[in-house]
Amino acid sequence: MKQVADLMIKNVITLKENDSLATAKTLMHDKNIRNIPIVNDNGECVGMLTQREYLRHAFYLVSQFGTQQITKKEEQTPISKAMSKDILTIEPDIDLSTAAEFFIENKYGCLPVVENDKLVGILTPVDFVKLAHAMLIKTE
């Protein structure tokens, strides 16, 4: 295991820009995830919706419309209003140590993995913790 491709999650849960914040909220809750790559019809990663960005937009909606309207407003709000479009991606053939350094220095919650402009996976710090745990168990 030396490359991002060896550690990344390959079966990535994604949404589209026009999906609602309500859909994202449900998906994050049901799948226990904090980061959702946003893809276009060609499978290209065009953004990222993190739990933090979702919450920031949800608080904005509450401040504008009150708690009584939050569910309705989340259903009406496309992800494109809350997602980050300025994202960094990584390629699957990058060395894992390089990816680890990136997480250490930048404190990102995830990195979309792209190949030929298509989303092929996602890498998170939790993946590195799982790897470290497996290595610790193996050496005991």
Protein backbone atom coordinates (compact mmCIF):
# COMPACT_ATOMS: atom_id res chain seq x y z
CA MET A 1 0.00 0.00 0.00
CA LYS A 2 1.87 3.00 -1.25
CA GLN A 3 -0.47 5.07 -3.37
CA VAL A 4 -3.70 6.96 -2.77
CA ALA A 5 -5.51 4.35 -4.90
CA ASP A 6 -4.60 1.70 -2.32
CA LEU A 7 -6.33 3.52 0.55
CA MET A 8 -9.06 5.67 -0.97
CA ILE A 9 -12.75 4.89 -0.69
CA LYS A 10 -13.84 3.85 -4.16
CA ASN A 11 -17.60 3.54 -3.71
CA VAL A 12 -18.19 7.27 -3.25
CA ILE A 13 -21.55 8.74 -2.37
CA THR A 14 -22.13 11.83 -4.50
CA LEU A 15 -24.82 14.37 -5.23
CA LYS A 16 -25.47 16.90 -7.99
CA GLU A 17 -25.53 20.71 -7.72
CA ASN A 18 -29.30 20.86 -8.13
CA ASP A 19 -30.01 18.30 -5.38
CA SER A 20 -31.46 19.92 -2.26
CA LEU A 21 -29.82 20.65 1.05
CA ALA A 22 -32.51 18.45 2.59
CA THR A 23 -31.27 15.53 0.49
CA ALA A 24 -27.69 16.19 1.57
CA LYS A 25 -28.72 16.44 5.23
CA THR A 26 -30.54 13.10 5.08
CA LEU A 27 -27.64 11.43 3.29
CA MET A 28 -25.09 12.73 5.77
CA HIS A 29 -27.22 11.50 8.66
CA ASP A 30 -28.15 8.10 7.21
CA LYS A 31 -24.66 7.24 5.92
CA ASN A 32 -22.80 8.89 8.82
CA ILE A 33 -20.61 10.97 6.49
CA ARG A 34 -19.37 14.55 6.71
CA ASN A 35 -18.24 15.19 3.13
CA ILE A 36 -20.14 14.77 -0.11
CA PRO A 37 -18.45 15.33 -3.47
CA ILE A 38 -20.69 17.15 -5.94
CA VAL A 39 -20.43 15.88 -9.50
CA ASN A 40 -21.82 16.93 -12.85
CA ASP A 41 -23.44 14.65 -15.44
CA ASN A 42 -19.99 13.69 -16.76
CA GLY A 43 -18.80 12.45 -13.37
CA GLU A 44 -16.48 15.41 -12.87
CA CYS A 45 -16.10 16.73 -9.32
CA VAL A 46 -17.38 20.32 -9.40
CA GLY A 47 -17.55 20.95 -5.68
CA MET A 48 -17.74 19.62 -2.16
CA LEU A 49 -20.43 19.91 0.47
CA THR A 50 -19.01 19.46 3.93
CA GLN A 51 -20.97 19.18 7.13
CA ARG A 52 -19.56 22.55 8.16
CA GLU A 53 -20.77 24.23 4.95
CA TYR A 54 -24.18 22.61 5.31
CA LEU A 55 -24.49 23.86 8.90
CA ARG A 56 -23.32 27.35 7.94
CA HIS A 57 -26.03 27.57 5.30
CA ALA A 58 -28.67 26.04 7.59
CA PHE A 59 -27.90 28.71 10.23
CA TYR A 60 -28.21 31.36 7.52
CA LEU A 61 -31.63 29.97 6.53
CA VAL A 62 -32.77 29.98 10.15
CA SER A 63 -31.60 33.58 10.58
CA GLN A 64 -33.51 34.64 7.45
CA PHE A 65 -36.69 32.56 7.76
CA GLY A 66 -36.86 31.20 11.33
CA THR A 67 -36.88 27.67 12.63
CA GLN A 68 -40.46 27.06 11.47
CA GLN A 69 -39.39 27.35 7.82
CA ILE A 70 -36.04 25.51 7.91
CA THR A 71 -37.30 22.18 6.55
CA LYS A 72 -39.15 23.81 3.67
CA LYS A 73 -36.22 26.10 2.85
CA GLU A 74 -33.73 23.21 2.89
CA GLU A 75 -35.95 21.35 0.42
CA GLN A 76 -36.01 24.43 -1.83
CA THR A 77 -32.29 25.24 -1.62
CA PRO A 78 -29.96 23.59 -4.14
CA ILE A 79 -26.60 22.33 -2.92
CA SER A 80 -24.93 24.80 -5.29
CA LYS A 81 -25.85 27.59 -2.82
CA ALA A 82 -23.85 26.01 0.01
CA MET A 83 -21.10 23.91 -1.57
CA SER A 84 -17.50 24.92 -1.98
CA LYS A 85 -16.41 25.17 -5.60
CA ASP A 86 -12.80 25.97 -4.77
CA ILE A 87 -11.64 22.45 -3.98
CA LEU A 88 -8.35 20.67 -4.11
CA THR A 89 -8.20 17.22 -5.62
CA ILE A 90 -5.59 14.49 -5.69
CA GLU A 91 -4.75 11.78 -8.22
CA PRO A 92 -4.84 8.06 -7.39
CA ASP A 93 -1.17 7.49 -8.21
CA ILE A 94 0.10 10.05 -5.67
CA ASP A 95 2.26 8.60 -2.92
CA LEU A 96 0.41 8.08 0.38
CA SER A 97 3.10 9.91 2.33
CA THR A 98 2.52 13.00 0.18
CA ALA A 99 -1.22 12.80 0.81
CA ALA A 100 -0.63 12.37 4.55
CA GLU A 101 1.61 15.46 4.61
CA PHE A 102 -1.12 17.41 2.86
CA PHE A 103 -3.65 16.49 5.55
CA ILE A 104 -1.20 17.33 8.33
CA GLU A 105 -0.33 20.74 6.89
CA ASN A 106 -3.77 21.82 5.67
CA LYS A 107 -6.22 20.17 8.05
CA TYR A 108 -8.67 19.29 5.27
CA GLY A 109 -11.46 16.85 6.04
CA CYS A 110 -11.18 15.03 2.72
CA LEU A 111 -9.65 15.02 -0.71
CA PRO A 112 -11.60 14.00 -3.80
CA VAL A 113 -9.54 11.63 -5.94
CA VAL A 114 -9.81 12.31 -9.67
CA GLU A 115 -8.43 10.60 -12.74
CA ASN A 116 -8.89 12.06 -16.22
CA ASP A 117 -11.15 14.71 -14.65
CA LYS A 118 -13.53 12.04 -13.27
CA LEU A 119 -14.15 11.38 -9.59
CA VAL A 120 -12.81 7.91 -8.77
CA GLY A 121 -12.59 8.05 -4.98
CA ILE A 122 -12.24 10.05 -1.82
CA LEU A 123 -9.50 10.09 0.82
CA THR A 124 -10.02 11.23 4.42
CA PRO A 125 -7.88 11.45 7.54
CA VAL A 126 -10.01 8.64 8.98
CA ASP A 127 -8.64 6.37 6.24
CA PHE A 128 -5.15 7.04 7.60
CA VAL A 129 -6.29 6.34 11.16
CA LYS A 130 -7.75 3.00 10.01
CA LEU A 131 -4.46 2.19 8.27
CA ALA A 132 -2.46 3.05 11.39
CA HIS A 133 -4.80 0.94 13.51
CA ALA A 134 -4.42 -2.05 11.18
CA MET A 135 -0.64 -1.67 11.24
CA LEU A 136 -0.62 -1.48 15.05
CA ILE A 137 -2.69 -4.64 15.35
CA LYS A 138 -0.42 -6.42 12.89
CA THR A 139 2.70 -5.62 14.95
CA GLU A 140 1.23 -6.74 18.29
